[in-house]
């Protein structure tokens, strides 16, 4: 099984995480992963640092992907949801609406995945940490189906969006603690040898989100 955890934060660049990046490769290998992605809040790992960790992962037979998780806002600074971004060579630090983010990423050849769109916020049943039903207004490449904070009701909503939008559902642990790595994964139907393969297979819908 070709399984990737597409949603991991480290203490190095996400202040809310307890994961030391030096521990990641070993834990990912123990979880049986073929690869994993770093998705720090609001930034992409610097190439030199990422390259060293990528080489360590490669020695264990795993592919490391450099991504980022971006929070978007409307003109009134209300959150429009968080999104996983892959395939860019720079950090996206400018605050912007979700539609602008998607446009920018696609213009630069990358892909956008709605992160935990139906993760409930404290505000009630219709308030989410993610994009919620806004996903229907966006040209997304995929939507996070399997997430630790997506219960059956949330997953039902994601599956409906997947069907209507004709996009795949992915899985990611959103790990902030080391033992969470690999708890939700994305299974690829075809071999993934590099970032180009990774992006192409997600765009083509040849992936499935599952709980480990």
Protein backbone atom coordinates (compact mmCIF):
# COMPACT_ATOMS: atom_id res chain seq x y z
CA UNK A 1 0.00 0.00 0.00
CA UNK A 2 1.34 3.43 -0.98
CA UNK A 3 0.26 5.55 1.99
CA UNK A 4 1.16 9.18 2.69
CA UNK A 5 0.26 11.36 5.65
CA UNK A 6 -0.45 14.70 3.95
CA UNK A 7 -0.89 16.90 7.02
CA UNK A 8 1.86 17.20 9.64
CA UNK A 9 3.13 20.12 11.74
CA UNK A 10 6.47 20.33 13.54
CA UNK A 11 7.68 22.37 16.46
CA UNK A 12 10.36 23.80 14.17
CA UNK A 13 7.96 26.06 12.28
CA UNK A 14 4.51 25.60 13.90
CA UNK A 15 4.44 26.90 17.44
CA UNK A 16 1.35 24.82 18.27
CA UNK A 17 3.13 21.51 17.56
CA UNK A 18 5.07 19.33 19.99
CA UNK A 19 6.76 17.27 17.24
CA UNK A 20 10.52 17.52 16.95
CA UNK A 21 11.29 17.14 13.27
CA UNK A 22 14.22 14.83 14.05
CA UNK A 23 11.71 12.25 15.30
CA UNK A 24 9.45 12.33 12.27
CA UNK A 25 11.21 9.94 9.91
CA UNK A 26 11.42 7.15 12.46
CA UNK A 27 7.78 7.52 13.47
CA UNK A 28 6.65 7.62 9.83
CA UNK A 29 8.60 4.45 9.13
CA UNK A 30 7.06 2.75 12.18
CA UNK A 31 3.61 3.74 10.88
CA UNK A 32 4.37 2.01 7.59
CA UNK A 33 4.20 5.17 5.49
CA UNK A 34 5.59 5.46 1.97
CA UNK A 35 5.95 9.19 2.51
CA UNK A 36 4.62 12.23 4.33
CA UNK A 37 4.21 15.97 3.92
CA UNK A 38 5.27 18.89 6.08
CA UNK A 39 2.45 21.45 6.18
CA UNK A 40 3.48 24.17 8.58
CA UNK A 41 1.10 27.03 9.31
CA UNK A 42 1.65 29.88 6.88
CA UNK A 43 4.99 28.80 5.47
CA UNK A 44 6.96 26.30 3.43
CA UNK A 45 10.15 24.76 4.82
CA UNK A 46 13.34 26.47 3.53
CA UNK A 47 14.90 24.39 0.76
CA UNK A 48 18.23 23.73 2.49
CA UNK A 49 16.67 22.46 5.72
CA UNK A 50 14.01 20.53 3.86
CA UNK A 51 16.63 18.92 1.64
CA UNK A 52 18.49 17.48 4.63
CA UNK A 53 15.33 15.95 6.09
CA UNK A 54 14.24 14.71 2.65
CA UNK A 55 17.55 12.86 2.29
CA UNK A 56 17.13 11.20 5.69
CA UNK A 57 13.62 10.11 4.70
CA UNK A 58 14.90 8.76 1.37
CA UNK A 59 17.42 6.58 3.22
CA UNK A 60 14.42 4.90 4.88
CA UNK A 61 12.62 4.51 1.55
CA UNK A 62 10.17 7.36 2.08
CA UNK A 63 9.35 10.43 -0.01
CA UNK A 64 9.08 13.75 1.82
CA UNK A 65 6.83 16.47 0.35
CA UNK A 66 7.17 20.17 1.13
CA UNK A 67 3.77 21.80 1.60
CA UNK A 68 2.11 24.47 3.71
CA UNK A 69 -1.22 25.11 5.43
CA UNK A 70 -2.72 28.51 4.68
CA UNK A 71 -5.55 30.22 6.53
CA UNK A 72 -7.68 32.50 4.33
CA UNK A 73 -9.76 35.55 5.21
CA UNK A 74 -12.43 37.73 3.62
CA UNK A 75 -12.34 41.53 3.49
CA UNK A 76 -13.70 41.73 7.05
CA UNK A 77 -10.95 39.40 8.29
CA UNK A 78 -13.36 36.52 8.85
CA UNK A 79 -11.76 33.15 8.25
CA UNK A 80 -12.68 31.41 5.00
CA UNK A 81 -10.99 28.16 5.99
CA UNK A 82 -7.59 26.50 5.93
CA UNK A 83 -6.06 24.86 2.89
CA UNK A 84 -3.14 22.53 2.21
CA UNK A 85 -0.96 23.76 -0.64
CA UNK A 86 1.58 21.71 -2.58
CA UNK A 87 3.78 22.31 -5.61
CA UNK A 88 4.92 25.87 -4.91
CA UNK A 89 8.51 26.96 -4.46
CA UNK A 90 7.75 29.78 -2.02
CA UNK A 91 5.83 30.47 1.16
CA UNK A 92 2.43 32.11 0.79
CA UNK A 93 2.57 34.77 3.47
CA UNK A 94 0.07 37.30 2.07
CA UNK A 95 -3.34 37.26 3.73
CA UNK A 96 -6.02 36.69 1.10
CA UNK A 97 -9.50 35.24 0.43
CA UNK A 98 -9.84 31.54 -0.38
CA UNK A 99 -10.68 32.08 -4.06
CA UNK A 100 -7.58 34.24 -4.50
CA UNK A 101 -5.43 31.59 -2.85
CA UNK A 102 -6.72 28.89 -5.18
CA UNK A 103 -6.16 31.10 -8.22
CA UNK A 104 -2.60 31.96 -7.16
CA UNK A 105 -1.66 28.35 -6.47
CA UNK A 106 -3.06 27.11 -9.78
CA UNK A 107 -1.31 29.90 -11.68
CA UNK A 108 1.98 28.67 -10.21
CA UNK A 109 1.30 25.02 -11.01
CA UNK A 110 0.36 23.82 -7.55
CA UNK A 111 -2.64 22.10 -6.00
CA UNK A 112 -5.02 23.05 -3.19
CA UNK A 113 -6.75 20.72 -0.74
CA UNK A 114 -9.42 21.95 1.66
CA UNK A 115 -8.16 21.05 5.14
CA UNK A 116 -10.69 19.59 7.64
CA UNK A 117 -13.55 21.57 6.03
CA UNK A 118 -16.18 20.34 8.47
CA UNK A 119 -14.17 20.29 11.69
CA UNK A 120 -16.54 21.81 14.23
CA UNK A 121 -15.60 25.02 16.00
CA UNK A 122 -16.82 26.00 19.44
CA UNK A 123 -19.49 28.24 17.91
CA UNK A 124 -21.93 25.43 17.17
CA UNK A 125 -23.03 22.94 14.58
CA UNK A 126 -22.73 25.28 11.59
CA UNK A 127 -19.41 26.85 12.54
CA UNK A 128 -16.23 25.24 11.29
CA UNK A 129 -12.47 25.62 11.54
CA UNK A 130 -12.39 24.73 7.87
CA UNK A 131 -14.12 26.09 4.77
CA UNK A 132 -17.45 24.34 5.35
CA UNK A 133 -19.84 24.65 2.43
CA UNK A 134 -17.56 27.26 0.88
CA UNK A 135 -15.84 24.32 -0.79
CA UNK A 136 -18.65 24.37 -3.37
CA UNK A 137 -17.57 27.84 -4.49
CA UNK A 138 -13.91 26.94 -5.05
CA UNK A 139 -12.00 25.12 -7.77
CA UNK A 140 -10.28 22.69 -5.41
CA UNK A 141 -8.09 19.77 -6.41
CA UNK A 142 -9.12 17.65 -3.42
CA UNK A 143 -10.79 17.79 -0.04
CA UNK A 144 -9.61 16.30 3.25
CA UNK A 145 -11.96 13.43 4.07
CA UNK A 146 -10.18 11.51 6.82
CA UNK A 147 -9.08 13.77 9.66
CA UNK A 148 -9.04 13.02 13.41
CA UNK A 149 -11.70 15.69 14.01
CA UNK A 150 -14.02 14.53 11.23
CA UNK A 151 -16.74 12.31 12.65
CA UNK A 152 -19.28 10.44 10.57
CA UNK A 153 -21.46 13.54 10.06
CA UNK A 154 -18.50 15.54 8.78
CA UNK A 155 -17.33 12.73 6.52
CA UNK A 156 -20.83 12.41 5.06
CA UNK A 157 -20.70 16.10 4.12
CA UNK A 158 -17.25 15.67 2.60
CA UNK A 159 -18.37 12.69 0.54
CA UNK A 160 -21.29 14.69 -0.80
CA UNK A 161 -18.89 17.49 -1.81
CA UNK A 162 -16.53 14.96 -3.40
CA UNK A 163 -19.38 13.58 -5.49
CA UNK A 164 -20.78 16.94 -6.56
CA UNK A 165 -17.40 18.55 -7.25
CA UNK A 166 -15.89 15.38 -8.69
CA UNK A 167 -12.72 15.68 -6.63
CA UNK A 168 -10.94 13.08 -4.49
CA UNK A 169 -10.89 12.85 -0.71
CA UNK A 170 -7.53 12.70 1.05
CA UNK A 171 -6.41 11.73 4.54
CA UNK A 172 -4.02 13.44 6.93
CA UNK A 173 -3.36 13.24 10.64
CA UNK A 174 -2.91 16.99 11.24
CA UNK A 175 -0.36 15.67 13.71
CA UNK A 176 0.87 17.99 16.46
CA UNK A 177 2.12 15.09 18.62
CA UNK A 178 4.44 12.40 17.35
CA UNK A 179 2.20 9.38 17.96
CA UNK A 180 -0.54 10.96 15.83
CA UNK A 181 1.57 10.63 12.67
CA UNK A 182 -0.03 8.19 10.24
CA UNK A 183 -3.42 8.02 12.01
CA UNK A 184 -5.12 9.22 8.82
CA UNK A 185 -3.49 8.75 5.44
CA UNK A 186 -3.90 9.12 1.70
CA UNK A 187 -3.52 5.93 -0.30
CA UNK A 188 -2.18 6.32 -3.84
CA UNK A 189 -3.19 3.89 -6.57
CA UNK A 190 0.06 4.33 -8.52
CA UNK A 191 3.74 4.66 -7.57
CA UNK A 192 4.83 8.08 -6.32
CA UNK A 193 8.53 8.69 -6.96
CA UNK A 194 8.69 12.48 -6.69
CA UNK A 195 6.64 15.63 -6.17
CA UNK A 196 5.50 15.67 -9.81
CA UNK A 197 4.02 12.18 -9.42
CA UNK A 198 2.44 13.24 -6.13
CA UNK A 199 0.70 16.27 -7.66
CA UNK A 200 -0.33 14.47 -10.86
CA UNK A 201 -1.95 11.58 -8.99
CA UNK A 202 -3.96 13.86 -6.71
CA UNK A 203 -5.13 15.96 -9.67
CA UNK A 204 -6.14 12.78 -11.47
CA UNK A 205 -8.14 11.60 -8.46
CA UNK A 206 -6.10 8.43 -8.04
CA UNK A 207 -6.10 8.68 -4.24
CA UNK A 208 -8.27 7.65 -1.31
CA UNK A 209 -8.34 8.97 2.24
CA UNK A 210 -8.42 6.30 4.96
CA UNK A 211 -8.05 5.97 8.71
CA UNK A 212 -5.15 3.76 9.71
